[in-house]
Amino acid sequence: MKRKSSALIGLNYCLLLLLLAGCLLTGCRQDDLGDKIFADAGPKITQTWAKAKSLDAENDYMSAAEVYDSLRQMNLTHKQEMAVKMAIGELYIRLKRAATAGDASAKKILEDIQENSKK
């Protein structure tokens, strides 16, 4: 049973990467897609999505990631879960690009992430 769930996790991860790559290649923005997906969500979910997007747009990487994570803990539809995962993926890509471009704050965040992943 454990082996089957590992395979499903791997499959979900691959699908997420494919969706993210497709969006990056075609130029679709998570904002447009997410707004449609969260349009019919309850007020708390909609407000949390809006807050995460706002922090994300300001490149407040850590705060945005924390709000996205809190959103993942809510009762989301499958499409909403995928939208949040894609938003987190896009945030991480921009974070890596900023760090590569010399953004000291982005570099520090990546260092913290790597340090915490070793624990």
N, C-alpha and C. Protein backbone atom coordinates (compact mmCIF):
# COMPACT_ATOMS: atom_id res chain seq x y z
N MET A 1 0.82 -1.19 0.00
CA MET A 1 0.00 0.00 0.00
C MET A 1 0.87 1.26 0.00
N LYS A 2 1.93 1.22 0.81
CA LYS A 2 2.82 2.38 0.88
C LYS A 2 3.47 2.64 -0.47
N ARG A 3 3.82 1.57 -1.18
CA ARG A 3 4.46 1.72 -2.48
C ARG A 3 3.51 2.39 -3.48
N LYS A 4 2.25 2.03 -3.40
CA LYS A 4 1.25 2.60 -4.31
C LYS A 4 1.08 4.09 -4.04
N SER A 5 1.04 4.49 -2.76
CA SER A 5 0.87 5.90 -2.44
C SER A 5 2.11 6.69 -2.85
N SER A 6 3.28 6.11 -2.77
CA SER A 6 4.50 6.78 -3.23
C SER A 6 4.45 7.01 -4.73
N ALA A 7 3.94 6.04 -5.44
CA ALA A 7 3.82 6.18 -6.89
C ALA A 7 2.83 7.29 -7.24
N LEU A 8 1.73 7.37 -6.49
CA LEU A 8 0.75 8.43 -6.73
C LEU A 8 1.32 9.80 -6.42
N ILE A 9 2.10 9.90 -5.36
CA ILE A 9 2.74 11.17 -5.02
C ILE A 9 3.70 11.57 -6.14
N GLY A 10 4.46 10.61 -6.63
CA GLY A 10 5.38 10.89 -7.74
C GLY A 10 4.63 11.32 -8.98
N LEU A 11 3.51 10.68 -9.25
CA LEU A 11 2.69 11.04 -10.41
C LEU A 11 2.13 12.44 -10.26
N ASN A 12 1.61 12.76 -9.07
CA ASN A 12 1.08 14.10 -8.82
C ASN A 12 2.17 15.15 -8.98
N TYR A 13 3.36 14.85 -8.51
CA TYR A 13 4.49 15.77 -8.62
C TYR A 13 4.83 16.00 -10.09
N CYS A 14 4.87 14.92 -10.87
CA CYS A 14 5.17 15.05 -12.30
C CYS A 14 4.10 15.86 -13.02
N LEU A 15 2.83 15.61 -12.68
CA LEU A 15 1.74 16.38 -13.29
C LEU A 15 1.84 17.86 -12.93
N LEU A 16 2.17 18.14 -11.69
CA LEU A 16 2.34 19.52 -11.26
C LEU A 16 3.46 20.19 -12.04
N LEU A 17 4.57 19.50 -12.20
CA LEU A 17 5.69 20.07 -12.96
C LEU A 17 5.31 20.30 -14.42
N LEU A 18 4.56 19.37 -15.00
CA LEU A 18 4.12 19.55 -16.38
C LEU A 18 3.18 20.73 -16.52
N LEU A 19 2.25 20.87 -15.59
CA LEU A 19 1.34 22.01 -15.61
C LEU A 19 2.09 23.33 -15.46
N LEU A 20 3.02 23.35 -14.54
CA LEU A 20 3.82 24.55 -14.31
C LEU A 20 4.65 24.89 -15.54
N ALA A 21 5.28 23.88 -16.12
CA ALA A 21 6.08 24.11 -17.33
C ALA A 21 5.21 24.61 -18.47
N GLY A 22 4.04 24.01 -18.62
CA GLY A 22 3.12 24.44 -19.67
C GLY A 22 2.70 25.89 -19.50
N CYS A 23 2.41 26.26 -18.27
CA CYS A 23 2.03 27.65 -18.02
C CYS A 23 3.19 28.60 -18.28
N LEU A 24 4.37 28.21 -17.88
CA LEU A 24 5.52 29.08 -18.12
C LEU A 24 5.81 29.22 -19.61
N LEU A 25 5.66 28.14 -20.34
CA LEU A 25 5.94 28.18 -21.77
C LEU A 25 4.87 28.94 -22.56
N THR A 26 3.63 28.80 -22.15
CA THR A 26 2.55 29.45 -22.89
C THR A 26 2.27 30.85 -22.39
N GLY A 27 2.86 31.21 -21.27
CA GLY A 27 2.70 32.56 -20.75
C GLY A 27 1.43 32.77 -19.96
N CYS A 28 0.73 31.71 -19.60
CA CYS A 28 -0.47 31.91 -18.79
C CYS A 28 -0.03 32.34 -17.39
N ARG A 29 -0.84 33.17 -16.79
CA ARG A 29 -0.51 33.68 -15.47
C ARG A 29 -1.38 32.98 -14.44
N GLN A 30 -0.77 32.65 -13.34
CA GLN A 30 -1.47 32.00 -12.24
C GLN A 30 -2.59 32.90 -11.73
N ASP A 31 -2.39 34.22 -11.80
CA ASP A 31 -3.40 35.15 -11.31
C ASP A 31 -4.73 34.93 -12.01
N ASP A 32 -4.71 34.88 -13.33
CA ASP A 32 -5.94 34.72 -14.10
C ASP A 32 -6.61 33.38 -13.80
N LEU A 33 -5.83 32.33 -13.84
CA LEU A 33 -6.34 30.99 -13.58
C LEU A 33 -6.85 30.88 -12.15
N GLY A 34 -6.06 31.35 -11.21
CA GLY A 34 -6.44 31.26 -9.80
C GLY A 34 -7.68 32.05 -9.48
N ASP A 35 -7.79 33.24 -10.07
CA ASP A 35 -8.98 34.05 -9.80
C ASP A 35 -10.25 33.32 -10.22
N LYS A 36 -10.18 32.64 -11.36
CA LYS A 36 -11.35 31.87 -11.83
C LYS A 36 -11.63 30.69 -10.90
N ILE A 37 -10.59 30.00 -10.51
CA ILE A 37 -10.76 28.81 -9.68
C ILE A 37 -11.27 29.16 -8.29
N PHE A 38 -10.85 30.30 -7.75
CA PHE A 38 -11.25 30.68 -6.40
C PHE A 38 -12.48 31.59 -6.37
N ALA A 39 -13.04 31.89 -7.53
CA ALA A 39 -14.18 32.81 -7.60
C ALA A 39 -15.37 32.34 -6.77
N ASP A 40 -15.63 31.04 -6.73
CA ASP A 40 -16.79 30.52 -6.01
C ASP A 40 -16.44 29.95 -4.64
N ALA A 41 -15.21 30.17 -4.20
CA ALA A 41 -14.81 29.66 -2.88
C ALA A 41 -15.46 30.51 -1.79
N GLY A 42 -15.45 30.00 -0.59
CA GLY A 42 -15.99 30.76 0.54
C GLY A 42 -15.16 32.01 0.80
N PRO A 43 -15.70 32.95 1.58
CA PRO A 43 -15.02 34.21 1.81
C PRO A 43 -13.62 34.07 2.43
N LYS A 44 -13.48 33.17 3.39
CA LYS A 44 -12.17 33.03 4.04
C LYS A 44 -11.12 32.52 3.05
N ILE A 45 -11.49 31.56 2.24
CA ILE A 45 -10.56 31.02 1.25
C ILE A 45 -10.23 32.09 0.21
N THR A 46 -11.24 32.80 -0.25
CA THR A 46 -11.04 33.84 -1.25
C THR A 46 -10.14 34.95 -0.71
N GLN A 47 -10.36 35.36 0.54
CA GLN A 47 -9.54 36.41 1.15
C GLN A 47 -8.10 35.93 1.35
N THR A 48 -7.94 34.69 1.73
CA THR A 48 -6.59 34.15 1.93
C THR A 48 -5.85 34.07 0.61
N TRP A 49 -6.53 33.63 -0.46
CA TRP A 49 -5.93 33.60 -1.79
C TRP A 49 -5.51 35.01 -2.22
N ALA A 50 -6.39 35.99 -2.01
CA ALA A 50 -6.07 37.38 -2.38
C ALA A 50 -4.86 37.90 -1.60
N LYS A 51 -4.81 37.57 -0.33
CA LYS A 51 -3.67 38.01 0.50
C LYS A 51 -2.38 37.36 0.02
N ALA A 52 -2.42 36.08 -0.28
CA ALA A 52 -1.22 35.39 -0.77
C ALA A 52 -0.75 35.99 -2.09
N LYS A 53 -1.70 36.25 -2.99
CA LYS A 53 -1.36 36.85 -4.28
C LYS A 53 -0.74 38.22 -4.12
N SER A 54 -1.28 39.01 -3.19
CA SER A 54 -0.76 40.35 -2.95
C SER A 54 0.67 40.30 -2.43
N LEU A 55 0.93 39.44 -1.46
CA LEU A 55 2.29 39.28 -0.93
C LEU A 55 3.22 38.75 -2.00
N ASP A 56 2.71 37.83 -2.80
CA ASP A 56 3.48 37.24 -3.90
C ASP A 56 3.87 38.34 -4.90
N ALA A 57 2.93 39.20 -5.25
CA ALA A 57 3.19 40.28 -6.21
C ALA A 57 4.22 41.27 -5.69
N GLU A 58 4.30 41.41 -4.37
CA GLU A 58 5.27 42.31 -3.75
C GLU A 58 6.64 41.64 -3.56
N ASN A 59 6.75 40.39 -4.01
CA ASN A 59 7.96 39.58 -3.82
C ASN A 59 8.32 39.43 -2.35
N ASP A 60 7.29 39.39 -1.50
CA ASP A 60 7.48 39.09 -0.09
C ASP A 60 7.42 37.57 0.03
N TYR A 61 8.52 36.94 -0.40
CA TYR A 61 8.56 35.50 -0.61
C TYR A 61 8.13 34.69 0.61
N MET A 62 8.70 34.97 1.76
CA MET A 62 8.40 34.16 2.93
C MET A 62 6.96 34.34 3.40
N SER A 63 6.50 35.57 3.45
CA SER A 63 5.12 35.80 3.88
C SER A 63 4.13 35.16 2.92
N ALA A 64 4.40 35.30 1.62
CA ALA A 64 3.52 34.70 0.61
C ALA A 64 3.50 33.18 0.78
N ALA A 65 4.68 32.59 0.97
CA ALA A 65 4.76 31.13 1.14
C ALA A 65 3.98 30.68 2.38
N GLU A 66 4.07 31.45 3.46
CA GLU A 66 3.35 31.10 4.68
C GLU A 66 1.83 31.16 4.46
N VAL A 67 1.38 32.18 3.73
CA VAL A 67 -0.07 32.30 3.48
C VAL A 67 -0.53 31.21 2.52
N TYR A 68 0.27 30.92 1.49
CA TYR A 68 -0.07 29.80 0.61
C TYR A 68 -0.16 28.50 1.41
N ASP A 69 0.77 28.31 2.34
CA ASP A 69 0.75 27.09 3.16
C ASP A 69 -0.51 27.05 4.02
N SER A 70 -0.90 28.19 4.58
CA SER A 70 -2.14 28.19 5.39
C SER A 70 -3.34 27.89 4.51
N LEU A 71 -3.30 28.34 3.28
CA LEU A 71 -4.38 28.05 2.33
C LEU A 71 -4.46 26.56 2.04
N ARG A 72 -3.30 25.91 1.95
CA ARG A 72 -3.28 24.47 1.69
C ARG A 72 -3.92 23.67 2.82
N GLN A 73 -3.99 24.25 4.02
CA GLN A 73 -4.59 23.56 5.16
C GLN A 73 -6.11 23.67 5.17
N MET A 74 -6.65 24.51 4.28
CA MET A 74 -8.11 24.70 4.23
C MET A 74 -8.76 23.64 3.36
N ASN A 75 -10.06 23.58 3.41
CA ASN A 75 -10.83 22.60 2.66
C ASN A 75 -10.98 23.07 1.21
N LEU A 76 -10.01 22.71 0.36
CA LEU A 76 -9.97 23.17 -1.02
C LEU A 76 -10.44 22.07 -1.97
N THR A 77 -10.91 22.50 -3.14
CA THR A 77 -11.19 21.53 -4.19
C THR A 77 -9.86 21.09 -4.79
N HIS A 78 -9.92 20.05 -5.59
CA HIS A 78 -8.69 19.57 -6.23
C HIS A 78 -8.07 20.66 -7.11
N LYS A 79 -8.89 21.37 -7.86
CA LYS A 79 -8.38 22.44 -8.73
C LYS A 79 -7.75 23.56 -7.91
N GLN A 80 -8.37 23.88 -6.78
CA GLN A 80 -7.80 24.92 -5.92
C GLN A 80 -6.46 24.47 -5.34
N GLU A 81 -6.37 23.21 -4.92
CA GLU A 81 -5.11 22.68 -4.42
C GLU A 81 -4.02 22.78 -5.48
N MET A 82 -4.36 22.42 -6.70
CA MET A 82 -3.39 22.48 -7.80
C MET A 82 -2.99 23.93 -8.08
N ALA A 83 -3.93 24.85 -8.01
CA ALA A 83 -3.61 26.27 -8.23
C ALA A 83 -2.64 26.78 -7.17
N VAL A 84 -2.86 26.38 -5.93
CA VAL A 84 -1.95 26.78 -4.85
C VAL A 84 -0.57 26.18 -5.07
N LYS A 85 -0.51 24.92 -5.43
CA LYS A 85 0.78 24.28 -5.69
C LYS A 85 1.51 24.96 -6.84
N MET A 86 0.77 25.32 -7.88
CA MET A 86 1.39 26.02 -9.01
C MET A 86 1.89 27.40 -8.60
N ALA A 87 1.12 28.09 -7.78
CA ALA A 87 1.53 29.42 -7.30
C ALA A 87 2.81 29.31 -6.47
N ILE A 88 2.88 28.28 -5.64
CA ILE A 88 4.09 28.06 -4.83
C ILE A 88 5.27 27.76 -5.75
N GLY A 89 5.04 26.95 -6.77
CA GLY A 89 6.11 26.63 -7.73
C GLY A 89 6.60 27.88 -8.45
N GLU A 90 5.68 28.73 -8.88
CA GLU A 90 6.07 29.97 -9.55
C GLU A 90 6.82 30.89 -8.60
N LEU A 91 6.37 30.96 -7.36
CA LEU A 91 7.04 31.78 -6.34
C LEU A 91 8.48 31.29 -6.15
N TYR A 92 8.66 29.99 -6.07
CA TYR A 92 10.00 29.42 -5.87
C TYR A 92 10.90 29.70 -7.08
N ILE A 93 10.34 29.61 -8.27
CA ILE A 93 11.13 29.89 -9.47
C ILE A 93 11.59 31.35 -9.46
N ARG A 94 10.69 32.27 -9.12
CA ARG A 94 11.07 33.69 -9.07
C ARG A 94 12.08 33.95 -7.96
N LEU A 95 11.93 33.24 -6.85
CA LEU A 95 12.88 33.36 -5.74
C LEU A 95 14.27 32.93 -6.19
N LYS A 96 14.34 31.79 -6.88
CA LYS A 96 15.63 31.30 -7.38
C LYS A 96 16.24 32.27 -8.39
N ARG A 97 15.41 32.81 -9.29
CA ARG A 97 15.91 33.78 -10.27
C ARG A 97 16.44 35.03 -9.58
N ALA A 98 15.72 35.51 -8.58
CA ALA A 98 16.15 36.71 -7.86
C ALA A 98 17.48 36.46 -7.14
N ALA A 99 17.61 35.29 -6.54
CA ALA A 99 18.86 34.95 -5.85
C ALA A 99 20.01 34.87 -6.85
N THR A 100 19.75 34.27 -8.00
CA THR A 100 20.78 34.16 -9.05
C THR A 100 21.18 35.55 -9.57
N ALA A 101 20.22 36.47 -9.59
CA ALA A 101 20.48 37.83 -10.07
C ALA A 101 21.17 38.69 -9.01
N GLY A 102 21.37 38.13 -7.81
CA GLY A 102 22.11 38.85 -6.78
C GLY A 102 21.27 39.45 -5.67
N ASP A 103 19.99 39.17 -5.63
CA ASP A 103 19.12 39.68 -4.56
C ASP A 103 19.53 39.03 -3.24
N ALA A 104 20.08 39.84 -2.33
CA ALA A 104 20.60 39.32 -1.06
C ALA A 104 19.49 38.70 -0.21
N SER A 105 18.32 39.31 -0.21
CA SER A 105 17.20 38.78 0.56
C SER A 105 16.78 37.40 0.04
N ALA A 106 16.70 37.27 -1.28
CA ALA A 106 16.33 35.99 -1.88
C ALA A 106 17.39 34.93 -1.57
N LYS A 107 18.66 35.31 -1.63
CA LYS A 107 19.74 34.37 -1.31
C LYS A 107 19.60 33.87 0.13
N LYS A 108 19.32 34.79 1.04
CA LYS A 108 19.18 34.44 2.46
C LYS A 108 18.01 33.47 2.65
N ILE A 109 16.90 33.73 1.98
CA ILE A 109 15.74 32.85 2.11
C ILE A 109 16.08 31.45 1.60
N LEU A 110 16.75 31.36 0.46
CA LEU A 110 17.14 30.05 -0.07
C LEU A 110 18.09 29.33 0.88
N GLU A 111 19.02 30.07 1.45
CA GLU A 111 19.94 29.46 2.43
C GLU A 111 19.17 28.91 3.62
N ASP A 112 18.19 29.70 4.11
CA ASP A 112 17.37 29.25 5.24
C ASP A 112 16.58 28.00 4.88
N ILE A 113 16.03 27.97 3.67
CA ILE A 113 15.26 26.80 3.22
C ILE A 113 16.16 25.57 3.18
N GLN A 114 17.36 25.74 2.61
CA GLN A 114 18.28 24.61 2.51
C GLN A 114 18.71 24.15 3.90
N GLU A 115 18.96 25.09 4.81
CA GLU A 115 19.37 24.73 6.17
C GLU A 115 18.27 23.97 6.88
N ASN A 116 17.03 24.45 6.74
CA ASN A 116 15.89 23.79 7.40
C ASN A 116 15.59 22.42 6.79
N SER A 117 15.89 22.23 5.52
CA SER A 117 15.62 20.94 4.90
C SER A 117 16.61 19.88 5.36
N LYS A 118 17.75 20.29 5.90
CA LYS A 118 18.76 19.36 6.40
C LYS A 118 18.39 18.83 7.78
N LYS A 119 17.50 19.53 8.47
CA LYS A 119 17.13 19.14 9.84
C LYS A 119 16.15 18.02 9.86
